[in-house]
C-alpha atoms as a PDB file:
ATOM      1  CA  MET A   1       0.000   0.000   0.000  1.00  0.00           C
ATOM      2  CA  SER A   2       3.042   2.279   0.319  1.00  0.00           C
ATOM      3  CA  ARG A   3       3.325   4.648  -2.631  1.00  0.00           C
ATOM      4  CA  GLN A   4       6.044   3.785  -5.103  1.00  0.00           C
ATOM      5  CA  THR A   5       7.462   7.153  -6.102  1.00  0.00           C
ATOM      6  CA  PRO A   6      10.787   6.570  -7.882  1.00  0.00           C
ATOM      7  CA  GLN A   7      13.867   7.981  -6.101  1.00  0.00           C
ATOM      8  CA  ARG A   8      11.880  10.281  -3.899  1.00  0.00           C
ATOM      9  CA  PRO A   9      13.946  12.320  -1.428  1.00  0.00           C
ATOM     10  CA  LYS A  10      13.915  11.064   2.138  1.00  0.00           C
ATOM     11  CA  PRO A  11      13.598  13.531   5.023  1.00  0.00           C
ATOM     12  CA  LYS A  12      16.384  13.409   7.585  1.00  0.00           C
ATOM     13  CA  LYS A  13      15.723  10.977  10.387  1.00  0.00           C
ATOM     14  CA  GLN A  14      15.216  12.430  13.851  1.00  0.00           C
ATOM     15  CA  PRO A  15      17.275  11.041  16.719  1.00  0.00           C
ATOM     16  CA  ALA A  16      14.316  10.449  19.004  1.00  0.00           C
ATOM     17  CA  ALA A  17      12.256   7.282  18.969  1.00  0.00           C
ATOM     18  CA  ARG A  18       9.503   7.337  16.383  1.00  0.00           C
ATOM     19  CA  ALA A  19       5.832   7.205  16.896  1.00  0.00           C
ATOM     20  CA  THR A  20       3.618   4.310  17.335  1.00  0.00           C
ATOM     21  CA  ALA A  21       6.088   3.705  15.401  1.00  0.00           C
ATOM     22  CA  ALA A  22       8.641   2.840  17.803  1.00  0.00           C
ATOM     23  CA  GLY A  23       7.167  -0.569  18.621  1.00  0.00           C
ATOM     24  CA  ALA A  24       5.792  -1.261  15.170  1.00  0.00           C
ATOM     25  CA  THR A  25       9.006  -0.347  13.394  1.00  0.00           C
ATOM     26  CA  GLU A  26      11.080  -2.558  15.669  1.00  0.00           C
ATOM     27  CA  ALA A  27       8.658  -5.411  15.098  1.00  0.00           C
ATOM     28  CA  SER A  28       8.759  -4.900  11.348  1.00  0.00           C
ATOM     29  CA  GLN A  29      12.531  -5.341  11.397  1.00  0.00           C
ATOM     30  CA  THR A  30      11.980  -8.984  12.300  1.00  0.00           C
ATOM     31  CA  ILE A  31      10.423  -9.543   8.884  1.00  0.00           C
ATOM     32  CA  ALA A  32      13.243  -8.011   6.860  1.00  0.00           C
ATOM     33  CA  PRO A  33      11.508  -4.780   5.782  1.00  0.00           C
ATOM     34  CA  SER A  34      14.010  -4.262   2.982  1.00  0.00           C
ATOM     35  CA  SER A  35      12.826  -7.469   1.362  1.00  0.00           C
ATOM     36  CA  THR A  36      10.025  -6.942  -1.145  1.00  0.00           C
ATOM     37  CA  LYS A  37      10.000 -10.255  -2.942  1.00  0.00           C
ATOM     38  CA  THR A  38       6.560 -11.599  -3.726  1.00  0.00           C
ATOM     39  CA  THR A  39       5.085 -14.866  -4.806  1.00  0.00           C
ATOM     40  CA  ALA A  40       3.427 -15.291  -8.191  1.00  0.00           C
ATOM     41  CA  THR A  41       0.009 -14.716  -6.629  1.00  0.00           C
ATOM     42  CA  GLY A  42       0.664 -12.933  -3.340  1.00  0.00           C
ATOM     43  CA  ASP A  43       2.344 -10.073  -1.510  1.00  0.00           C
ATOM     44  CA  SER A  44       5.735 -10.012   0.210  1.00  0.00           C
ATOM     45  CA  ILE A  45       4.368 -11.501   3.437  1.00  0.00           C
ATOM     46  CA  GLU A  46       2.886 -14.428   1.520  1.00  0.00           C
ATOM     47  CA  ALA A  47       6.402 -15.150   0.275  1.00  0.00           C
ATOM     48  CA  LEU A  48       7.663 -15.308   3.863  1.00  0.00           C
ATOM     49  CA  LEU A  49       4.780 -17.558   4.870  1.00  0.00           C
ATOM     50  CA  SER A  50       5.611 -19.933   2.046  1.00  0.00           C
ATOM     51  CA  GLU A  51       9.215 -20.112   3.199  1.00  0.00           C
ATOM     52  CA  TRP A  52       8.241 -20.838   6.813  1.00  0.00           C
ATOM     53  CA  ARG A  53       5.807 -23.540   5.698  1.00  0.00           C
ATOM     54  CA  ARG A  54       8.657 -25.117   3.774  1.00  0.00           C
ATOM     55  CA  GLU A  55      11.247 -24.764   6.548  1.00  0.00           C
ATOM     56  CA  ARG A  56       8.980 -25.495   9.537  1.00  0.00           C
ATOM     57  CA  PRO A  57       5.985 -27.546   8.369  1.00  0.00           C
ATOM     58  CA  ASP A  58       5.316 -28.407  12.016  1.00  0.00           C
ATOM     59  CA  LEU A  59       4.332 -24.784  12.794  1.00  0.00           C
ATOM     60  CA  ASP A  60       1.288 -22.721  11.855  1.00  0.00           C
ATOM     61  CA  PRO A  61       2.512 -19.327  10.558  1.00  0.00           C
ATOM     62  CA  SER A  62      -0.977 -17.993   9.776  1.00  0.00           C
ATOM     63  CA  PRO A  63      -1.072 -15.497  12.695  1.00  0.00           C
ATOM     64  CA  PHE A  64       2.062 -13.945  11.239  1.00  0.00           C
ATOM     65  CA  GLY A  65       0.151 -13.555   7.986  1.00  0.00           C
ATOM     66  CA  ILE A  66      -2.036 -11.005   9.785  1.00  0.00           C
ATOM     67  CA  PHE A  67       0.440  -9.280  12.078  1.00  0.00           C
ATOM     68  CA  GLY A  68       3.296  -9.353   9.586  1.00  0.00           C
ATOM     69  CA  ARG A  69       1.172  -7.403   7.134  1.00  0.00           C
ATOM     70  CA  ILE A  70       0.180  -4.942   9.855  1.00  0.00           C
ATOM     71  CA  TRP A  71       3.836  -4.361  10.788  1.00  0.00           C
ATOM     72  CA  ARG A  72       4.908  -3.947   7.186  1.00  0.00           C
ATOM     73  CA  LEU A  73       2.053  -1.552   6.411  1.00  0.00           C
ATOM     74  CA  SER A  74       2.849   0.445   9.555  1.00  0.00           C
ATOM     75  CA  ALA A  75       6.538   0.806   8.686  1.00  0.00           C
ATOM     76  CA  GLY A  76       5.747   1.769   5.099  1.00  0.00           C
ATOM     77  CA  LEU A  77       3.082   4.302   6.018  1.00  0.00           C
ATOM     78  CA  LEU A  78       5.298   5.929   8.637  1.00  0.00           C
ATOM     79  CA  SER A  79       7.915   6.453   5.946  1.00  0.00           C
ATOM     80  CA  ASP A  80       5.260   7.874   3.625  1.00  0.00           C
ATOM     81  CA  ALA A  81       3.945  10.192   6.348  1.00  0.00           C
ATOM     82  CA  GLU A  82       7.419  11.590   6.977  1.00  0.00           C
ATOM     83  CA  TYR A  83       7.647  12.235   3.242  1.00  0.00           C
ATOM     84  CA  TRP A  84       4.385  14.144   2.864  1.00  0.00           C
ATOM     85  CA  LEU A  85       4.795  16.072   6.144  1.00  0.00           C
ATOM     86  CA  ALA A  86       8.378  17.213   5.508  1.00  0.00           C
ATOM     87  CA  PRO A  87       7.424  20.011   3.055  1.00  0.00           C
ATOM     88  CA  ILE A  88       5.380  21.738   5.778  1.00  0.00           C
ATOM     89  CA  GLY A  89       8.185  21.463   8.313  1.00  0.00           C
ATOM     90  CA  LEU A  90       6.912  18.535  10.390  1.00  0.00           C
ATOM     91  CA  THR A  91       8.156  15.117  11.376  1.00  0.00           C
ATOM     92  CA  PHE A  92       5.628  12.434  12.273  1.00  0.00           C
ATOM     93  CA  GLU A  93       6.419  13.026  15.945  1.00  0.00           C
ATOM     94  CA  SER A  94       5.840  16.784  15.848  1.00  0.00           C
ATOM     95  CA  PHE A  95       2.731  16.199  13.734  1.00  0.00           C
ATOM     96  CA  SER A  96       1.370  13.765  16.318  1.00  0.00           C
ATOM     97  CA  VAL A  97       1.902  16.262  19.140  1.00  0.00           C
ATOM     98  CA  ILE A  98       0.086  19.173  17.497  1.00  0.00           C
ATOM     99  CA  VAL A  99      -2.807  17.209  15.985  1.00  0.00           C
ATOM    100  CA  THR A 100      -3.433  15.468  19.319  1.00  0.00           C
ATOM    101  CA  LEU A 101      -3.759  18.865  20.978  1.00  0.00           C
ATOM    102  CA  ARG A 102      -5.975  20.065  18.106  1.00  0.00           C
ATOM    103  CA  ARG A 103      -8.225  17.001  18.435  1.00  0.00           C
ATOM    104  CA  ALA A 104      -8.599  17.624  22.180  1.00  0.00           C
ATOM    105  CA  GLY A 105     -10.745  20.672  21.399  1.00  0.00           C
ATOM    106  CA  ALA A 106     -10.674  24.139  22.934  1.00  0.00           C
ATOM    107  CA  PRO A 107      -8.562  25.282  24.667  1.00  0.00           C
ATOM    108  CA  PHE A 108      -6.357  22.738  22.840  1.00  0.00           C
ATOM    109  CA  GLU A 109      -4.254  21.637  25.792  1.00  0.00           C
ATOM    110  CA  LEU A 110      -3.236  18.485  27.659  1.00  0.00           C
ATOM    111  CA  ASN A 111      -0.728  17.586  30.302  1.00  0.00           C
ATOM    112  CA  PRO A 112       2.347  15.675  29.048  1.00  0.00           C
ATOM    113  CA  THR A 113       1.065  12.317  30.333  1.00  0.00           C
ATOM    114  CA  ALA A 114      -2.232  12.692  28.505  1.00  0.00           C
ATOM    115  CA  LEU A 115      -0.421  13.889  25.418  1.00  0.00           C
ATOM    116  CA  TYR A 116       1.493  10.679  24.908  1.00  0.00           C
ATOM    117  CA  ARG A 117      -1.447   8.489  25.943  1.00  0.00           C
ATOM    118  CA  GLU A 118      -3.792  10.111  23.442  1.00  0.00           C
ATOM    119  CA  SER A 119      -1.318  10.461  20.600  1.00  0.00           C
ATOM    120  CA  LEU A 120       0.290   7.889  18.320  1.00  0.00           C
ATOM    121  CA  LEU A 121       3.596   8.309  20.130  1.00  0.00           C
ATOM    122  CA  SER A 122       5.538   6.081  22.484  1.00  0.00           C
ATOM    123  CA  SER A 123       6.091   7.404  25.987  1.00  0.00           C
ATOM    124  CA  GLY A 124       9.852   7.810  25.700  1.00  0.00           C
ATOM    125  CA  ALA A 125      11.390  11.287  25.510  1.00  0.00           C
ATOM    126  CA  ILE A 126       8.022  13.077  25.428  1.00  0.00           C
ATOM    127  CA  THR A 127       9.691  16.115  27.009  1.00  0.00           C
ATOM    128  CA  ASN A 128      12.138  16.399  24.113  1.00  0.00           C
ATOM    129  CA  ARG A 129       9.290  16.189  21.603  1.00  0.00           C
ATOM    130  CA  ILE A 130       7.439  18.976  23.367  1.00  0.00           C
ATOM    131  CA  ASP A 131      10.665  20.998  23.474  1.00  0.00           C
ATOM    132  CA  ARG A 132      11.006  20.746  19.702  1.00  0.00           C
ATOM    133  CA  VAL A 133       7.488  21.894  18.864  1.00  0.00           C
ATOM    134  CA  GLU A 134       7.737  24.619  21.495  1.00  0.00           C
ATOM    135  CA  ALA A 135      10.926  25.867  19.835  1.00  0.00           C
ATOM    136  CA  GLN A 136       8.934  26.100  16.578  1.00  0.00           C
ATOM    137  CA  GLY A 137       6.336  28.252  18.307  1.00  0.00           C
ATOM    138  CA  LEU A 138       3.629  25.606  17.871  1.00  0.00           C
ATOM    139  CA  VAL A 139       2.921  25.018  21.580  1.00  0.00           C
ATOM    140  CA  LYS A 140       3.584  26.727  24.878  1.00  0.00           C
ATOM    141  CA  ARG A 141       3.860  25.401  28.415  1.00  0.00           C
ATOM    142  CA  LEU A 142       1.637  26.714  31.200  1.00  0.00           C
ATOM    143  CA  PRO A 143       1.371  25.880  34.913  1.00  0.00           C
ATOM    144  CA  ASP A 144      -1.086  23.062  35.628  1.00  0.00           C
ATOM    145  CA  PRO A 145      -3.827  24.458  37.897  1.00  0.00           C
ATOM    146  CA  ASN A 146      -4.410  20.948  39.270  1.00  0.00           C
ATOM    147  CA  ASP A 147      -0.774  20.145  39.992  1.00  0.00           C
ATOM    148  CA  ARG A 148       1.630  22.735  41.370  1.00  0.00           C
ATOM    149  CA  ARG A 149       4.608  20.814  40.001  1.00  0.00           C
ATOM    150  CA  GLY A 150       2.994  19.981  36.686  1.00  0.00           C
ATOM    151  CA  THR A 151       2.614  21.730  33.356  1.00  0.00           C
ATOM    152  CA  ILE A 152       0.019  21.985  30.636  1.00  0.00           C
ATOM    153  CA  VAL A 153       0.950  21.978  26.952  1.00  0.00           C
ATOM    154  CA  ARG A 154      -1.253  24.315  24.917  1.00  0.00           C
ATOM    155  CA  LEU A 155      -1.420  24.717  21.148  1.00  0.00           C
ATOM    156  CA  THR A 156      -0.594  28.233  19.953  1.00  0.00           C
ATOM    157  CA  PRO A 157      -2.583  29.934  17.175  1.00  0.00           C
ATOM    158  CA  LYS A 158       0.330  29.167  14.841  1.00  0.00           C
ATOM    159  CA  GLY A 159       0.266  25.544  15.963  1.00  0.00           C
ATOM    160  CA  ARG A 160      -3.476  25.273  15.465  1.00  0.00           C
ATOM    161  CA  ALA A 161      -3.249  26.639  11.921  1.00  0.00           C
ATOM    162  CA  LEU A 162      -0.464  24.186  11.058  1.00  0.00           C
ATOM    163  CA  ALA A 163      -2.312  21.293  12.699  1.00  0.00           C
ATOM    164  CA  ASP A 164      -5.399  22.016  10.587  1.00  0.00           C
ATOM    165  CA  ARG A 165      -3.280  22.128   7.439  1.00  0.00           C
ATOM    166  CA  ALA A 166      -1.346  18.991   8.354  1.00  0.00           C
ATOM    167  CA  ILE A 167      -4.344  16.835   9.274  1.00  0.00           C
ATOM    168  CA  LYS A 168      -6.057  17.710   5.989  1.00  0.00           C
ATOM    169  CA  LEU A 169      -2.934  16.690   4.078  1.00  0.00           C
ATOM    170  CA  HIS A 170      -2.588  13.543   6.175  1.00  0.00           C
ATOM    171  CA  PHE A 171      -6.157  12.354   5.642  1.00  0.00           C
ATOM    172  CA  GLU A 172      -5.986  13.057   1.906  1.00  0.00           C
ATOM    173  CA  SER A 173      -2.690  11.168   1.580  1.00  0.00           C
ATOM    174  CA  LEU A 174      -4.023   8.199   3.547  1.00  0.00           C
ATOM    175  CA  ALA A 175      -7.091   8.130   1.307  1.00  0.00           C
ATOM    176  CA  GLN A 176      -4.792   7.964  -1.703  1.00  0.00           C
ATOM    177  CA  SER A 177      -3.014   4.990  -0.119  1.00  0.00           C
ATOM    178  CA  LEU A 178      -6.395   3.237   0.086  1.00  0.00           C
ATOM    179  CA  SER A 179      -7.257   3.911  -3.547  1.00  0.00           C
ATOM    180  CA  GLY A 180      -6.827   0.235  -4.427  1.00  0.00           C
ATOM    181  CA  LEU A 181      -9.747  -0.768  -2.188  1.00  0.00           C
ATOM    182  CA  GLU A 182     -13.433  -0.236  -2.876  1.00  0.00           C
ATOM    183  CA  GLN A 183     -15.485   1.373  -0.084  1.00  0.00           C
ATOM    184  CA  PRO A 184     -17.157  -1.878   1.055  1.00  0.00           C
ATOM    185  CA  ASP A 185     -13.720  -3.469   1.402  1.00  0.00           C
ATOM    186  CA  ARG A 186     -12.480  -0.459   3.381  1.00  0.00           C
ATOM    187  CA  ASP A 187     -15.466  -0.660   5.712  1.00  0.00           C
ATOM    188  CA  LEU A 188     -14.994  -4.396   6.241  1.00  0.00           C
ATOM    189  CA  LEU A 189     -11.257  -3.973   6.842  1.00  0.00           C
ATOM    190  CA  ALA A 190     -11.861  -1.200   9.383  1.00  0.00           C
ATOM    191  CA  ARG A 191     -14.366  -3.370  11.265  1.00  0.00           C
ATOM    192  CA  LEU A 192     -12.053  -6.380  11.335  1.00  0.00           C
ATOM    193  CA  LEU A 193      -9.044  -4.335  12.415  1.00  0.00           C
ATOM    194  CA  GLY A 194     -11.157  -2.676  15.095  1.00  0.00           C
ATOM    195  CA  LYS A 195     -12.252  -6.074  16.353  1.00  0.00           C
ATOM    196  CA  LEU A 196      -8.643  -7.280  16.392  1.00  0.00           C
ATOM    197  CA  LEU A 197      -7.401  -4.155  18.167  1.00  0.00           C
ATOM    198  CA  LEU A 198     -10.111  -4.438  20.808  1.00  0.00           C
ATOM    199  CA  SER A 199      -9.180  -8.065  21.414  1.00  0.00           C
ATOM    200  CA  VAL A 200      -5.451  -7.319  21.676  1.00  0.00           C
ATOM    201  CA  GLU A 201      -6.016  -4.349  23.987  1.00  0.00           C
ATOM    202  CA  HIS A 202      -8.346  -6.414  26.157  1.00  0.00           C
ATOM    203  CA  ASN A 203      -5.772  -9.171  26.510  1.00  0.00           C
ATOM    204  CA  ARG A 204      -2.968  -6.685  27.190  1.00  0.00           C
ATOM    205  CA  PRO A 205      -4.496  -4.116  29.566  1.00  0.00           C
ATOM    206  CA  LEU A 206      -2.992  -0.664  29.337  1.00  0.00           C
ATOM    207  CA  GLU A 207      -2.833   1.900  32.096  1.00  0.00           C
ATOM    208  CA  ARG A 208      -6.278   3.410  32.435  1.00  0.00           C
ATOM    209  CA  GLY A 209      -7.223   7.054  32.570  1.00  0.00           C
ATOM    210  CA  THR A 210      -6.515   9.804  30.104  1.00  0.00           C
ATOM    211  CA  GLY A 211      -4.655  12.189  32.374  1.00  0.00           C
ATOM    212  CA  ARG A 212      -6.417  14.959  30.532  1.00  0.00           C
ATOM    213  CA  SER A 213      -6.422  18.297  32.231  1.00  0.00           C
ATOM    214  CA  ARG A 214      -8.292  21.242  30.816  1.00  0.00           C
ATOM    215  CA  ARG A 215      -8.006  24.834  31.893  1.00  0.00           C
ATOM    216  CA  LYS A 216     -11.237  26.725  32.504  1.00  0.00           C
END
């Protein structure tokens, strides 16, 4: 599903861990992401499944057929997102910070804990990510009225304008990536992925609570 633009320029990689990214990208490395060989009738993951069936006929690799495709799609789409966000001065991490604040609604603010819980970012180095978007003038820190030692991260007017521009670009680019699927297939895929995600999250409980703090 990743777009195949010949020799497109790659944005410089950021030193911090990448989005949802972090876990998904690491997982995708176990399936040799640089390998794109396919079978005569299938995708690159089908080729890997065929090899495992040959090498370990005693094992059932079918679960990998689902999760391997998810990991590969995730890694490819993260690369694509970096590509289409770079021209407007954003990495996927900075994009995730500002659109999460934008999605929170007025006054477009969250505490740092809520910010990483409600975004598509891993929890590591959240302070550094906030520092970077603050340096760009996209957010500002304010005292947390509910925690004397805490802070609130609020979207600036500049950040809100860029978030609105970026999310429009992001949704349009994702829609283009889905152009090979008819709407009924998209709807079915969304339902099945939602069912899978609910099952996985239920079996691997995450810390509850949003940590959201809104100023009056």
